[in-house]
Structure formats: C-alpha cells, structure tokens
C-alpha atoms as a PDB file:
ATOM      1  CA  MET A   1     105.779 102.801 118.297  1.00  0.00           C
ATOM      2  CA  THR A   2     108.048  99.817 118.264  1.00  0.00           C
ATOM      3  CA  LEU A   3     108.081  98.074 114.911  1.00  0.00           C
ATOM      4  CA  SER A   4     108.871  94.368 114.977  1.00  0.00           C
ATOM      5  CA  PRO A   5     107.808  91.153 113.275  1.00  0.00           C
ATOM      6  CA  ALA A   6     104.795  90.622 115.583  1.00  0.00           C
ATOM      7  CA  THR A   7     101.725  91.577 113.545  1.00  0.00           C
ATOM      8  CA  ALA A   8     101.777  93.056 110.051  1.00  0.00           C
ATOM      9  CA  VAL A   9      99.239  95.808 109.424  1.00  0.00           C
ATOM     10  CA  GLN A  10      98.933  97.299 105.946  1.00  0.00           C
ATOM     11  CA  ASN A  11      98.448 101.040 105.794  1.00  0.00           C
ATOM     12  CA  PRO A  12      95.257 101.481 103.706  1.00  0.00           C
ATOM     13  CA  PHE A  13      96.360 104.974 102.595  1.00  0.00           C
ATOM     14  CA  ALA A  14      99.849 103.891 101.552  1.00  0.00           C
ATOM     15  CA  PRO A  15      99.608 100.209 100.548  1.00  0.00           C
ATOM     16  CA  GLU A  16     103.349 100.050  99.954  1.00  0.00           C
ATOM     17  CA  LYS A  17     103.916 100.572 103.699  1.00  0.00           C
ATOM     18  CA  ILE A  18     103.477  97.657 106.053  1.00  0.00           C
ATOM     19  CA  TYR A  19     103.583  98.401 109.765  1.00  0.00           C
ATOM     20  CA  LYS A  20     104.621  95.657 112.121  1.00  0.00           C
ATOM     21  CA  VAL A  21     102.948  96.264 115.452  1.00  0.00           C
ATOM     22  CA  THR A  22     104.193  94.625 118.615  1.00  0.00           C
ATOM     23  CA  SER A  23     101.980  93.383 121.387  1.00  0.00           C
ATOM     24  CA  HIS A  24     103.927  94.713 124.366  1.00  0.00           C
ATOM     25  CA  ILE A  25     102.658  97.651 126.395  1.00  0.00           C
ATOM     26  CA  SER A  26     105.652  98.965 128.294  1.00  0.00           C
ATOM     27  CA  VAL A  27     107.346 102.092 126.975  1.00  0.00           C
ATOM     28  CA  ARG A  28     110.493 103.710 128.298  1.00  0.00           C
ATOM     29  CA  SER A  29     112.020 107.023 127.282  1.00  0.00           C
ATOM     30  CA  SER A  30     115.014 109.024 128.318  1.00  0.00           C
ATOM     31  CA  HIS A  31     112.850 112.174 128.194  1.00  0.00           C
ATOM     32  CA  LYS A  32     110.335 111.080 130.819  1.00  0.00           C
ATOM     33  CA  PRO A  33     111.161 108.621 133.600  1.00  0.00           C
ATOM     34  CA  HIS A  34     109.364 105.295 133.413  1.00  0.00           C
ATOM     35  CA  ARG A  35     106.751 104.975 136.138  1.00  0.00           C
ATOM     36  CA  SER A  36     106.745 101.496 137.518  1.00  0.00           C
ATOM     37  CA  ILE A  37     103.693  99.944 139.075  1.00  0.00           C
ATOM     38  CA  MET A  38     104.504  99.165 142.699  1.00  0.00           C
ATOM     39  CA  ALA A  39     101.642  96.769 143.385  1.00  0.00           C
ATOM     40  CA  THR A  40      99.108  95.055 141.185  1.00  0.00           C
ATOM     41  CA  THR A  41      95.554  95.753 142.250  1.00  0.00           C
ATOM     42  CA  PRO A  42      92.648  93.459 141.342  1.00  0.00           C
ATOM     43  CA  GLU A  43      91.325  96.290 139.157  1.00  0.00           C
ATOM     44  CA  LEU A  44      94.644  96.622 137.336  1.00  0.00           C
ATOM     45  CA  ALA A  45      94.823  92.861 136.827  1.00  0.00           C
ATOM     46  CA  ASN A  46      91.280  92.844 135.369  1.00  0.00           C
ATOM     47  CA  VAL A  47      92.026  95.787 133.065  1.00  0.00           C
ATOM     48  CA  GLN A  48      95.314  94.270 131.900  1.00  0.00           C
ATOM     49  CA  GLU A  49      93.683  90.891 131.257  1.00  0.00           C
ATOM     50  CA  LEU A  50      90.894  92.476 129.215  1.00  0.00           C
ATOM     51  CA  TRP A  51      93.355  94.636 127.250  1.00  0.00           C
ATOM     52  CA  ASN A  52      95.470  91.574 126.457  1.00  0.00           C
ATOM     53  CA  GLU A  53      92.329  89.846 125.107  1.00  0.00           C
ATOM     54  CA  MET A  54      91.074  92.876 123.134  1.00  0.00           C
ATOM     55  CA  LYS A  55      94.255  94.056 121.460  1.00  0.00           C
ATOM     56  CA  PRO A  56      94.824  91.060 119.152  1.00  0.00           C
ATOM     57  CA  LYS A  57      91.226  91.370 117.916  1.00  0.00           C
ATOM     58  CA  SER A  58      91.400  95.085 117.017  1.00  0.00           C
ATOM     59  CA  THR A  59      93.596  96.289 114.177  1.00  0.00           C
ATOM     60  CA  ILE A  60      93.004  99.954 115.041  1.00  0.00           C
ATOM     61  CA  TYR A  61      93.947  99.440 118.695  1.00  0.00           C
ATOM     62  CA  ARG A  62      97.090  97.518 117.695  1.00  0.00           C
ATOM     63  CA  LEU A  63      98.040 100.194 115.179  1.00  0.00           C
ATOM     64  CA  LEU A  64      97.352 103.332 117.246  1.00  0.00           C
ATOM     65  CA  LEU A  65      97.621 102.074 120.827  1.00  0.00           C
ATOM     66  CA  GLY A  66     100.058  99.182 120.511  1.00  0.00           C
ATOM     67  CA  ASP A  67     102.560 100.916 122.799  1.00  0.00           C
ATOM     68  CA  ILE A  68     100.163 102.285 125.406  1.00  0.00           C
ATOM     69  CA  GLU A  69     101.237 101.667 128.978  1.00  0.00           C
ATOM     70  CA  ILE A  70      98.595 101.098 131.635  1.00  0.00           C
ATOM     71  CA  VAL A  71     100.073 102.848 134.656  1.00  0.00           C
ATOM     72  CA  SER A  72      97.412 102.202 137.299  1.00  0.00           C
ATOM     73  CA  ALA A  73      93.821 101.192 137.881  1.00  0.00           C
ATOM     74  CA  SER A  74      91.459 101.450 140.812  1.00  0.00           C
ATOM     75  CA  LYS A  75      87.701 100.966 140.902  1.00  0.00           C
ATOM     76  CA  GLY A  76      86.312 103.137 138.123  1.00  0.00           C
ATOM     77  CA  VAL A  77      89.608 104.831 137.200  1.00  0.00           C
ATOM     78  CA  VAL A  78      92.366 103.891 134.750  1.00  0.00           C
ATOM     79  CA  ASN A  79      95.549 105.844 134.067  1.00  0.00           C
ATOM     80  CA  ALA A  80      97.724 105.191 131.041  1.00  0.00           C
ATOM     81  CA  ARG A  81     100.372 106.907 128.970  1.00  0.00           C
ATOM     82  CA  LEU A  82     101.333 106.942 125.333  1.00  0.00           C
ATOM     83  CA  ARG A  83     104.253 108.522 123.521  1.00  0.00           C
ATOM     84  CA  VAL A  84     103.223 110.407 120.373  1.00  0.00           C
ATOM     85  CA  GLU A  85     104.858 108.719 117.381  1.00  0.00           C
ATOM     86  CA  PRO A  86     104.745 109.577 113.636  1.00  0.00           C
ATOM     87  CA  ILE A  87     101.778 107.246 113.103  1.00  0.00           C
ATOM     88  CA  HIS A  88      99.736 109.444 115.507  1.00  0.00           C
ATOM     89  CA  LEU A  89     100.246 112.669 113.534  1.00  0.00           C
ATOM     90  CA  ASN A  90      98.024 114.540 111.110  1.00  0.00           C
ATOM     91  CA  SER A  91      99.216 116.370 107.967  1.00  0.00           C
ATOM     92  CA  LYS A  92     100.186 119.387 110.108  1.00  0.00           C
ATOM     93  CA  GLY A  93     102.578 117.276 112.207  1.00  0.00           C
ATOM     94  CA  THR A  94     100.440 117.335 115.352  1.00  0.00           C
ATOM     95  CA  LEU A  95      98.299 114.764 117.140  1.00  0.00           C
ATOM     96  CA  HIS A  96      95.512 113.546 114.841  1.00  0.00           C
ATOM     97  CA  GLY A  97      91.985 113.909 116.199  1.00  0.00           C
ATOM     98  CA  THR A  98      91.323 110.269 115.412  1.00  0.00           C
ATOM     99  CA  VAL A  99      93.945 109.248 117.961  1.00  0.00           C
ATOM    100  CA  SER A 100      92.280 111.383 120.643  1.00  0.00           C
ATOM    101  CA  ALA A 101      88.884 109.869 119.818  1.00  0.00           C
ATOM    102  CA  CYS A 102      90.393 106.368 119.858  1.00  0.00           C
ATOM    103  CA  LEU A 103      91.944 107.080 123.275  1.00  0.00           C
ATOM    104  CA  THR A 104      88.547 108.305 124.523  1.00  0.00           C
ATOM    105  CA  ASP A 105      86.946 105.068 123.338  1.00  0.00           C
ATOM    106  CA  TRP A 106      89.710 102.900 124.802  1.00  0.00           C
ATOM    107  CA  ALA A 107      90.065 104.676 128.172  1.00  0.00           C
ATOM    108  CA  GLY A 108      86.295 104.724 128.700  1.00  0.00           C
ATOM    109  CA  GLY A 109      86.157 100.971 128.126  1.00  0.00           C
ATOM    110  CA  MET A 110      89.118 100.311 130.403  1.00  0.00           C
ATOM    111  CA  ALA A 111      87.521 102.439 133.151  1.00  0.00           C
ATOM    112  CA  ILE A 112      84.426 100.241 132.887  1.00  0.00           C
ATOM    113  CA  ALA A 113      86.636  97.138 133.083  1.00  0.00           C
ATOM    114  CA  SER A 114      88.195  98.502 136.278  1.00  0.00           C
ATOM    115  CA  THR A 115      84.793  98.133 137.966  1.00  0.00           C
ATOM    116  CA  GLY A 116      85.012  94.357 137.512  1.00  0.00           C
ATOM    117  CA  LEU A 117      83.086  93.824 134.274  1.00  0.00           C
ATOM    118  CA  LYS A 118      84.645  91.322 131.883  1.00  0.00           C
ATOM    119  CA  LYS A 119      83.131  93.027 128.818  1.00  0.00           C
ATOM    120  CA  THR A 120      83.108  96.777 128.219  1.00  0.00           C
ATOM    121  CA  GLY A 121      79.955  96.951 126.103  1.00  0.00           C
ATOM    122  CA  LEU A 122      79.024  98.714 122.875  1.00  0.00           C
ATOM    123  CA  SER A 123      79.429 102.425 122.243  1.00  0.00           C
ATOM    124  CA  THR A 124      76.184 104.389 122.086  1.00  0.00           C
ATOM    125  CA  ASP A 125      77.627 107.902 122.237  1.00  0.00           C
ATOM    126  CA  ILE A 126      81.130 109.373 122.172  1.00  0.00           C
ATOM    127  CA  HIS A 127      82.288 112.995 122.234  1.00  0.00           C
ATOM    128  CA  THR A 128      85.789 114.411 122.105  1.00  0.00           C
ATOM    129  CA  THR A 129      86.528 118.081 122.737  1.00  0.00           C
ATOM    130  CA  TYR A 130      89.860 119.221 121.309  1.00  0.00           C
ATOM    131  CA  ILE A 131      91.568 121.840 123.470  1.00  0.00           C
ATOM    132  CA  SER A 132      95.191 121.856 122.305  1.00  0.00           C
ATOM    133  CA  THR A 133      97.524 119.431 120.597  1.00  0.00           C
ATOM    134  CA  ALA A 134     100.712 117.433 120.986  1.00  0.00           C
ATOM    135  CA  LYS A 135     103.661 116.739 118.738  1.00  0.00           C
ATOM    136  CA  GLU A 136     105.928 113.795 118.027  1.00  0.00           C
ATOM    137  CA  GLY A 137     107.867 112.752 121.118  1.00  0.00           C
ATOM    138  CA  ASP A 138     105.368 114.210 123.610  1.00  0.00           C
ATOM    139  CA  TRP A 139     104.026 111.880 126.288  1.00  0.00           C
ATOM    140  CA  LEU A 140     100.258 111.788 126.721  1.00  0.00           C
ATOM    141  CA  GLU A 141      98.748 110.936 130.089  1.00  0.00           C
ATOM    142  CA  VAL A 142      95.281 109.462 129.758  1.00  0.00           C
ATOM    143  CA  GLU A 143      92.770 109.130 132.584  1.00  0.00           C
ATOM    144  CA  GLY A 144      89.469 107.297 132.107  1.00  0.00           C
ATOM    145  CA  ARG A 145      86.783 107.484 134.794  1.00  0.00           C
ATOM    146  CA  ALA A 146      83.570 105.485 135.011  1.00  0.00           C
ATOM    147  CA  SER A 147      81.091 108.047 136.339  1.00  0.00           C
ATOM    148  CA  LYS A 148      78.313 105.457 136.576  1.00  0.00           C
ATOM    149  CA  VAL A 149      78.095 101.815 135.589  1.00  0.00           C
ATOM    150  CA  GLY A 150      74.512 100.639 135.677  1.00  0.00           C
ATOM    151  CA  SER A 151      72.888  97.392 134.607  1.00  0.00           C
ATOM    152  CA  THR A 152      72.274  98.709 131.070  1.00  0.00           C
ATOM    153  CA  LEU A 153      74.438 101.792 130.451  1.00  0.00           C
ATOM    154  CA  ALA A 154      77.830 103.021 131.602  1.00  0.00           C
ATOM    155  CA  PHE A 155      78.957 106.650 131.482  1.00  0.00           C
ATOM    156  CA  THR A 156      82.620 107.598 131.345  1.00  0.00           C
ATOM    157  CA  THR A 157      84.782 110.709 131.115  1.00  0.00           C
ATOM    158  CA  VAL A 158      88.301 110.894 129.749  1.00  0.00           C
ATOM    159  CA  GLU A 159      91.055 113.479 130.072  1.00  0.00           C
ATOM    160  CA  ILE A 160      94.126 113.461 127.846  1.00  0.00           C
ATOM    161  CA  ARG A 161      97.008 115.706 128.873  1.00  0.00           C
ATOM    162  CA  LYS A 162     100.597 116.229 127.900  1.00  0.00           C
ATOM    163  CA  ALA A 163     102.843 114.884 130.627  1.00  0.00           C
ATOM    164  CA  GLY A 164     103.664 117.500 133.236  1.00  0.00           C
ATOM    165  CA  GLU A 165     106.751 118.074 135.316  1.00  0.00           C
ATOM    166  CA  GLY A 166     106.995 115.950 138.457  1.00  0.00           C
ATOM    167  CA  ASP A 167     103.547 115.457 139.989  1.00  0.00           C
ATOM    168  CA  SER A 168     102.057 118.531 138.284  1.00  0.00           C
ATOM    169  CA  PRO A 169      99.505 117.820 135.564  1.00  0.00           C
ATOM    170  CA  GLY A 170     100.472 118.944 132.101  1.00  0.00           C
ATOM    171  CA  PRO A 171      98.356 120.992 129.695  1.00  0.00           C
ATOM    172  CA  MET A 172      95.032 119.488 128.629  1.00  0.00           C
ATOM    173  CA  VAL A 173      94.969 118.154 125.069  1.00  0.00           C
ATOM    174  CA  CYS A 174      91.353 117.011 125.006  1.00  0.00           C
ATOM    175  CA  THR A 175      88.468 115.764 127.082  1.00  0.00           C
ATOM    176  CA  GLY A 176      85.884 113.193 126.178  1.00  0.00           C
ATOM    177  CA  THR A 177      82.719 111.460 127.258  1.00  0.00           C
ATOM    178  CA  HIS A 178      81.725 107.961 126.289  1.00  0.00           C
ATOM    179  CA  THR A 179      78.471 106.124 126.923  1.00  0.00           C
ATOM    180  CA  LYS A 180      78.334 102.355 126.477  1.00  0.00           C
ATOM    181  CA  TYR A 181      75.608  99.729 126.503  1.00  0.00           C
ATOM    182  CA  VAL A 182      76.833  97.202 129.053  1.00  0.00           C
ATOM    183  CA  LYS A 183      73.899  94.845 129.659  1.00  0.00           C
ATOM    184  CA  GLN A 184      75.521  91.405 129.805  1.00  0.00           C
END
C-alpha cells in the first residue's frame, strides 16, 4: 500500500500508528507486469465511477483496498488485482481472512455495478470459503460475477487467486458468494 498524506486513518489496535491511505488505484510492480486497460468499456466506466464515489466514504475500503486496481469490467463481471501488503496480514504472516471477506464484499458490489446499477445495495448474506493463503508481495487476482441481478436481490460469486504465470490462472485462495438487496 502506498502511504502518503492523502487520508489519515488511525489503527484502532495500535493507536500510535497512523496510516495515510492514498486514493489512487493503479499499482505497478517489477515482479508482475502491469496490465494496462486497452479500451474503456461502459461497464468499466460505471464501475470506476462508483468506486471513486464509494472509496472516500468507507474507511475500511480505503485502508484495505486503497491500492486495488480494476483491470477490466464487462456486463456482470469485474476483474481486479491487489498486491498483498503488511496491512493485509494476520499474526501468522499470511493473508488475513478479513481481507478475503472484504474483497468478496467489494467484488460482488462491483460486479453488480457492472450491470449498470448506480447503487450496489445492502448485504443480506455473505460467505467466504478459505482454500489456501497468500503472503506479503503476492499479487491477488479477484473476479466478481453477478450471477443474477433482479429487481429486489442480486446474487454474486467471487474468486480470489494468486496471480499465475502468463495467461494461466494461479492457485485459488478463496471463493465467496454475496447476496445483496438492490431494490432502488
């Protein structure tokens, strides 16, 4: 995570530590080539606009997902990536389950936004199944899919993987489902 003078967030578990979270979303690393977006789709524009509106209003999103990069979006599908940083780790030095659950929440909402909705609704049910883990420096690839967006409820699935080599998918870290009340 890039620390800068953008937004100060006090760590509630270590009050002497103040994190300064930036509001940019592009991440580059020498370990994994940066994937540039060749063309902006209407779905990607809608997702990006909603994310830019949501992030300043959510301390947890700014803290945990401040550096997430939205890679692509099409109707009902959003792909993003996040580099695992020290703030994402549990006491064992691996990806904290809270981060995976937060990514499930976020990616499910962004998948709903990719269908054209301007609001992603309220969570009614969320499940995260932990399959393996990641460590500091690993890149996570996150895919959110809107399975069904009705007039009242939306159902989403999320997969979080470690980045693979080339076009091959990496090992699964966790899967999730997220149901949201979307009546507008």
